[in-house]
Amino acid sequence: MQNIKIDEFHIIGIAIRTTNENGKAANDIAELWGKFVSDGITNKIPNKINNDVYSLYTDYEDDHTKPYTAILGCKVKNLDSIPMGMVGKSFSKGTYAKTTAKGNLMEGLVVNHWSDIFNMNLQRKYDVDFEIFGEKAQNPSKAEVDFYVGIEEN
């Protein structure tokens, strides 16, 4: 794990409000991914910086055990044009603990790695956390996904 600083960035995508209680988020986020792929959301996002897909968690009511908003989208140059049915959000610069998970996306790679993160001794901010599904995540059975957890700056 390494701590890195990330400058302010903007995301446009689709969102859902969910919670980790009773496995609800795993189902809700899987449905959100289904909509994201089937509706070709990546191709509908204007001003994209690249085609990397960001899976963000923000607007936490408290910590990871309480409701939050999940957003699937792409990093964009600005929020000047947000398509109907999508959300646009800016995130301020911050410090993140970066970890990487490798394995099969269809066998719970992301959910399992978050379980590990929940057990790490991190001073989390609960502002925004995210994964980036880039070029190395294109093969679902041998994916490599970077996770960024917002932490308090020392």
C-alpha atoms as a PDB file:
ATOM      1  CA  MET A   1       0.000   0.000   0.000  1.00  0.00           C
ATOM      2  CA  GLN A   2       1.195   3.494  -0.758  1.00  0.00           C
ATOM      3  CA  ASN A   3      -0.147   6.932   0.111  1.00  0.00           C
ATOM      4  CA  ILE A   4      -0.579   9.251  -2.862  1.00  0.00           C
ATOM      5  CA  LYS A   5      -1.960  12.742  -3.401  1.00  0.00           C
ATOM      6  CA  ILE A   6      -4.600  13.246  -6.086  1.00  0.00           C
ATOM      7  CA  ASP A   7      -5.628  16.631  -7.459  1.00  0.00           C
ATOM      8  CA  GLU A   8      -9.236  17.721  -7.775  1.00  0.00           C
ATOM      9  CA  PHE A   9     -11.152  15.733 -10.401  1.00  0.00           C
ATOM     10  CA  HIS A  10     -14.617  15.546 -11.956  1.00  0.00           C
ATOM     11  CA  ILE A  11     -16.774  12.505 -12.740  1.00  0.00           C
ATOM     12  CA  ILE A  12     -19.878  12.063 -14.868  1.00  0.00           C
ATOM     13  CA  GLY A  13     -21.844   8.820 -14.667  1.00  0.00           C
ATOM     14  CA  ILE A  14     -24.822   7.073 -13.110  1.00  0.00           C
ATOM     15  CA  ALA A  15     -25.476   6.707  -9.398  1.00  0.00           C
ATOM     16  CA  ILE A  16     -27.395   4.770  -6.779  1.00  0.00           C
ATOM     17  CA  ARG A  17     -27.845   5.184  -3.034  1.00  0.00           C
ATOM     18  CA  THR A  18     -27.014   1.986  -1.150  1.00  0.00           C
ATOM     19  CA  THR A  19     -25.620   0.452   2.029  1.00  0.00           C
ATOM     20  CA  ASN A  20     -23.299  -2.430   2.918  1.00  0.00           C
ATOM     21  CA  GLU A  21     -25.878  -3.783   5.384  1.00  0.00           C
ATOM     22  CA  ASN A  22     -27.166  -7.281   4.571  1.00  0.00           C
ATOM     23  CA  GLY A  23     -25.144  -7.457   1.339  1.00  0.00           C
ATOM     24  CA  LYS A  24     -27.373  -4.812  -0.280  1.00  0.00           C
ATOM     25  CA  ALA A  25     -24.492  -2.897  -1.905  1.00  0.00           C
ATOM     26  CA  ALA A  26     -23.150  -5.986  -3.675  1.00  0.00           C
ATOM     27  CA  ASN A  27     -26.534  -6.446  -5.398  1.00  0.00           C
ATOM     28  CA  ASP A  28     -27.209  -2.740  -6.014  1.00  0.00           C
ATOM     29  CA  ILE A  29     -23.770  -2.068  -7.475  1.00  0.00           C
ATOM     30  CA  ALA A  30     -23.950  -5.197  -9.643  1.00  0.00           C
ATOM     31  CA  GLU A  31     -27.264  -3.868 -11.048  1.00  0.00           C
ATOM     32  CA  LEU A  32     -25.677  -0.441 -11.577  1.00  0.00           C
ATOM     33  CA  TRP A  33     -22.815  -2.098 -13.514  1.00  0.00           C
ATOM     34  CA  GLY A  34     -25.390  -3.977 -15.600  1.00  0.00           C
ATOM     35  CA  LYS A  35     -27.122  -0.711 -16.518  1.00  0.00           C
ATOM     36  CA  PHE A  36     -23.774   1.019 -17.138  1.00  0.00           C
ATOM     37  CA  VAL A  37     -22.702  -1.665 -19.622  1.00  0.00           C
ATOM     38  CA  SER A  38     -26.060  -2.376 -21.294  1.00  0.00           C
ATOM     39  CA  ASP A  39     -26.859   1.329 -21.784  1.00  0.00           C
ATOM     40  CA  GLY A  40     -23.360   2.083 -23.140  1.00  0.00           C
ATOM     41  CA  ILE A  41     -22.903   4.856 -20.585  1.00  0.00           C
ATOM     42  CA  THR A  42     -19.163   5.234 -21.307  1.00  0.00           C
ATOM     43  CA  ASN A  43     -19.958   6.325 -24.865  1.00  0.00           C
ATOM     44  CA  LYS A  44     -22.532   8.884 -23.675  1.00  0.00           C
ATOM     45  CA  ILE A  45     -20.233  10.800 -21.306  1.00  0.00           C
ATOM     46  CA  PRO A  46     -18.990  14.100 -22.799  1.00  0.00           C
ATOM     47  CA  ASN A  47     -15.495  15.570 -22.262  1.00  0.00           C
ATOM     48  CA  LYS A  48     -13.964  12.268 -21.093  1.00  0.00           C
ATOM     49  CA  ILE A  49     -10.262  12.323 -20.297  1.00  0.00           C
ATOM     50  CA  ASN A  50     -10.001   8.599 -21.145  1.00  0.00           C
ATOM     51  CA  ASN A  51     -12.122   5.424 -21.073  1.00  0.00           C
ATOM     52  CA  ASP A  52     -11.122   4.294 -17.566  1.00  0.00           C
ATOM     53  CA  VAL A  53     -14.233   3.537 -15.508  1.00  0.00           C
ATOM     54  CA  TYR A  54     -14.359   4.896 -11.972  1.00  0.00           C
ATOM     55  CA  SER A  55     -16.459   3.185  -9.347  1.00  0.00           C
ATOM     56  CA  LEU A  56     -16.820   5.768  -6.568  1.00  0.00           C
ATOM     57  CA  TYR A  57     -18.308   5.727  -3.109  1.00  0.00           C
ATOM     58  CA  THR A  58     -19.235   9.104  -1.622  1.00  0.00           C
ATOM     59  CA  ASP A  59     -21.826  11.036   0.401  1.00  0.00           C
ATOM     60  CA  TYR A  60     -21.317   8.673   3.354  1.00  0.00           C
ATOM     61  CA  GLU A  61     -23.831   9.141   6.170  1.00  0.00           C
ATOM     62  CA  ASP A  62     -21.125   8.085   8.625  1.00  0.00           C
ATOM     63  CA  ASP A  63     -18.711   5.234   7.905  1.00  0.00           C
ATOM     64  CA  HIS A  64     -18.785   2.208   5.580  1.00  0.00           C
ATOM     65  CA  THR A  65     -21.550   0.581   7.624  1.00  0.00           C
ATOM     66  CA  LYS A  66     -24.048   3.378   6.840  1.00  0.00           C
ATOM     67  CA  PRO A  67     -25.698   4.440   3.536  1.00  0.00           C
ATOM     68  CA  TYR A  68     -23.618   6.083   0.801  1.00  0.00           C
ATOM     69  CA  THR A  69     -23.819   6.920  -2.903  1.00  0.00           C
ATOM     70  CA  ALA A  70     -22.139   4.712  -5.498  1.00  0.00           C
ATOM     71  CA  ILE A  71     -21.282   6.312  -8.858  1.00  0.00           C
ATOM     72  CA  LEU A  72     -20.051   4.555 -12.010  1.00  0.00           C
ATOM     73  CA  GLY A  73     -18.572   6.925 -14.530  1.00  0.00           C
ATOM     74  CA  CYS A  74     -15.584   8.450 -16.229  1.00  0.00           C
ATOM     75  CA  LYS A  75     -13.217  11.248 -15.337  1.00  0.00           C
ATOM     76  CA  VAL A  76     -14.037  14.368 -17.370  1.00  0.00           C
ATOM     77  CA  LYS A  77     -12.408  17.727 -18.122  1.00  0.00           C
ATOM     78  CA  ASN A  78     -15.363  19.658 -16.689  1.00  0.00           C
ATOM     79  CA  LEU A  79     -19.012  19.392 -15.683  1.00  0.00           C
ATOM     80  CA  ASP A  80     -20.292  21.836 -18.322  1.00  0.00           C
ATOM     81  CA  SER A  81     -22.509  19.237 -20.003  1.00  0.00           C
ATOM     82  CA  ILE A  82     -24.122  16.515 -17.885  1.00  0.00           C
ATOM     83  CA  PRO A  83     -26.470  14.278 -19.907  1.00  0.00           C
ATOM     84  CA  MET A  84     -30.032  13.747 -18.689  1.00  0.00           C
ATOM     85  CA  GLY A  85     -30.237  10.820 -16.260  1.00  0.00           C
ATOM     86  CA  MET A  86     -26.584  11.137 -15.235  1.00  0.00           C
ATOM     87  CA  VAL A  87     -24.836  12.871 -12.356  1.00  0.00           C
ATOM     88  CA  GLY A  88     -21.752  15.042 -12.333  1.00  0.00           C
ATOM     89  CA  LYS A  89     -19.639  15.546  -9.263  1.00  0.00           C
ATOM     90  CA  SER A  90     -16.345  17.227  -8.378  1.00  0.00           C
ATOM     91  CA  PHE A  91     -13.985  15.858  -5.764  1.00  0.00           C
ATOM     92  CA  SER A  92     -11.380  18.002  -4.036  1.00  0.00           C
ATOM     93  CA  LYS A  93      -7.728  17.067  -3.853  1.00  0.00           C
ATOM     94  CA  GLY A  94      -6.728  14.669  -1.140  1.00  0.00           C
ATOM     95  CA  THR A  95      -4.519  11.885   0.111  1.00  0.00           C
ATOM     96  CA  TYR A  96      -5.396   8.293  -0.686  1.00  0.00           C
ATOM     97  CA  ALA A  97      -4.141   4.891   0.373  1.00  0.00           C
ATOM     98  CA  LYS A  98      -3.680   3.003  -2.902  1.00  0.00           C
ATOM     99  CA  THR A  99      -3.878  -0.779  -3.076  1.00  0.00           C
ATOM    100  CA  THR A 100      -4.204  -3.128  -6.032  1.00  0.00           C
ATOM    101  CA  ALA A 101      -6.176  -6.353  -6.323  1.00  0.00           C
ATOM    102  CA  LYS A 102      -5.548  -8.970  -8.998  1.00  0.00           C
ATOM    103  CA  GLY A 103      -7.835 -11.844  -9.911  1.00  0.00           C
ATOM    104  CA  ASN A 104     -11.218 -12.762 -11.323  1.00  0.00           C
ATOM    105  CA  LEU A 105     -13.852 -10.019 -11.263  1.00  0.00           C
ATOM    106  CA  MET A 106     -16.605 -12.625 -11.522  1.00  0.00           C
ATOM    107  CA  GLU A 107     -15.399 -14.307  -8.316  1.00  0.00           C
ATOM    108  CA  GLY A 108     -15.839 -11.337  -5.992  1.00  0.00           C
ATOM    109  CA  LEU A 109     -12.453  -9.662  -6.472  1.00  0.00           C
ATOM    110  CA  VAL A 110     -13.774  -6.186  -5.637  1.00  0.00           C
ATOM    111  CA  VAL A 111     -16.054  -7.156  -2.734  1.00  0.00           C
ATOM    112  CA  ASN A 112     -13.344  -9.343  -1.201  1.00  0.00           C
ATOM    113  CA  HIS A 113     -10.730  -6.590  -1.453  1.00  0.00           C
ATOM    114  CA  TRP A 114     -13.081  -4.109   0.231  1.00  0.00           C
ATOM    115  CA  SER A 115     -13.494  -6.617   3.084  1.00  0.00           C
ATOM    116  CA  ASP A 116      -9.704  -6.520   3.466  1.00  0.00           C
ATOM    117  CA  ILE A 117      -9.700  -2.704   3.361  1.00  0.00           C
ATOM    118  CA  PHE A 118     -12.394  -2.539   6.073  1.00  0.00           C
ATOM    119  CA  ASN A 119     -10.013  -4.472   8.344  1.00  0.00           C
ATOM    120  CA  MET A 120      -6.993  -2.241   7.658  1.00  0.00           C
ATOM    121  CA  ASN A 121      -5.932   0.306  10.243  1.00  0.00           C
ATOM    122  CA  LEU A 122      -6.569   3.415   8.123  1.00  0.00           C
ATOM    123  CA  GLN A 123      -7.641   6.878   9.237  1.00  0.00           C
ATOM    124  CA  ARG A 124     -10.376   7.069   6.628  1.00  0.00           C
ATOM    125  CA  LYS A 125     -12.031  10.374   5.703  1.00  0.00           C
ATOM    126  CA  TYR A 126     -15.262   8.880   4.296  1.00  0.00           C
ATOM    127  CA  ASP A 127     -15.364  11.630   1.677  1.00  0.00           C
ATOM    128  CA  VAL A 128     -14.693   9.625  -1.490  1.00  0.00           C
ATOM    129  CA  ASP A 129     -13.179   6.203  -2.138  1.00  0.00           C
ATOM    130  CA  PHE A 130     -12.930   4.599  -5.544  1.00  0.00           C
ATOM    131  CA  GLU A 131     -11.628   1.924  -7.857  1.00  0.00           C
ATOM    132  CA  ILE A 132     -10.312   2.493 -11.365  1.00  0.00           C
ATOM    133  CA  PHE A 133     -11.071  -0.097 -14.028  1.00  0.00           C
ATOM    134  CA  GLY A 134      -8.491   0.694 -16.691  1.00  0.00           C
ATOM    135  CA  GLU A 135      -6.663  -1.234 -19.367  1.00  0.00           C
ATOM    136  CA  LYS A 136      -5.464  -3.908 -16.906  1.00  0.00           C
ATOM    137  CA  ALA A 137      -9.075  -4.696 -15.925  1.00  0.00           C
ATOM    138  CA  GLN A 138     -10.288  -5.506 -19.442  1.00  0.00           C
ATOM    139  CA  ASN A 139      -9.846  -9.270 -19.025  1.00  0.00           C
ATOM    140  CA  PRO A 140     -12.358 -10.093 -16.240  1.00  0.00           C
ATOM    141  CA  SER A 141     -10.690 -13.404 -15.332  1.00  0.00           C
ATOM    142  CA  LYS A 142      -7.237 -11.812 -14.925  1.00  0.00           C
ATOM    143  CA  ALA A 143      -8.109  -8.267 -13.885  1.00  0.00           C
ATOM    144  CA  GLU A 144      -5.960  -5.784 -12.033  1.00  0.00           C
ATOM    145  CA  VAL A 145      -7.900  -3.044 -10.241  1.00  0.00           C
ATOM    146  CA  ASP A 146      -6.500  -0.088  -8.302  1.00  0.00           C
ATOM    147  CA  PHE A 147      -8.335   0.942  -5.129  1.00  0.00           C
ATOM    148  CA  TYR A 148      -8.056   4.426  -3.619  1.00  0.00           C
ATOM    149  CA  VAL A 149      -9.220   5.022  -0.037  1.00  0.00           C
ATOM    150  CA  GLY A 150      -9.451   8.622   1.150  1.00  0.00           C
ATOM    151  CA  ILE A 151      -7.402   9.092   4.319  1.00  0.00           C
ATOM    152  CA  GLU A 152      -6.692  11.919   6.722  1.00  0.00           C
ATOM    153  CA  GLU A 153      -3.538  13.858   5.905  1.00  0.00           C
ATOM    154  CA  ASN A 154      -0.805  13.726   8.530  1.00  0.00           C
END
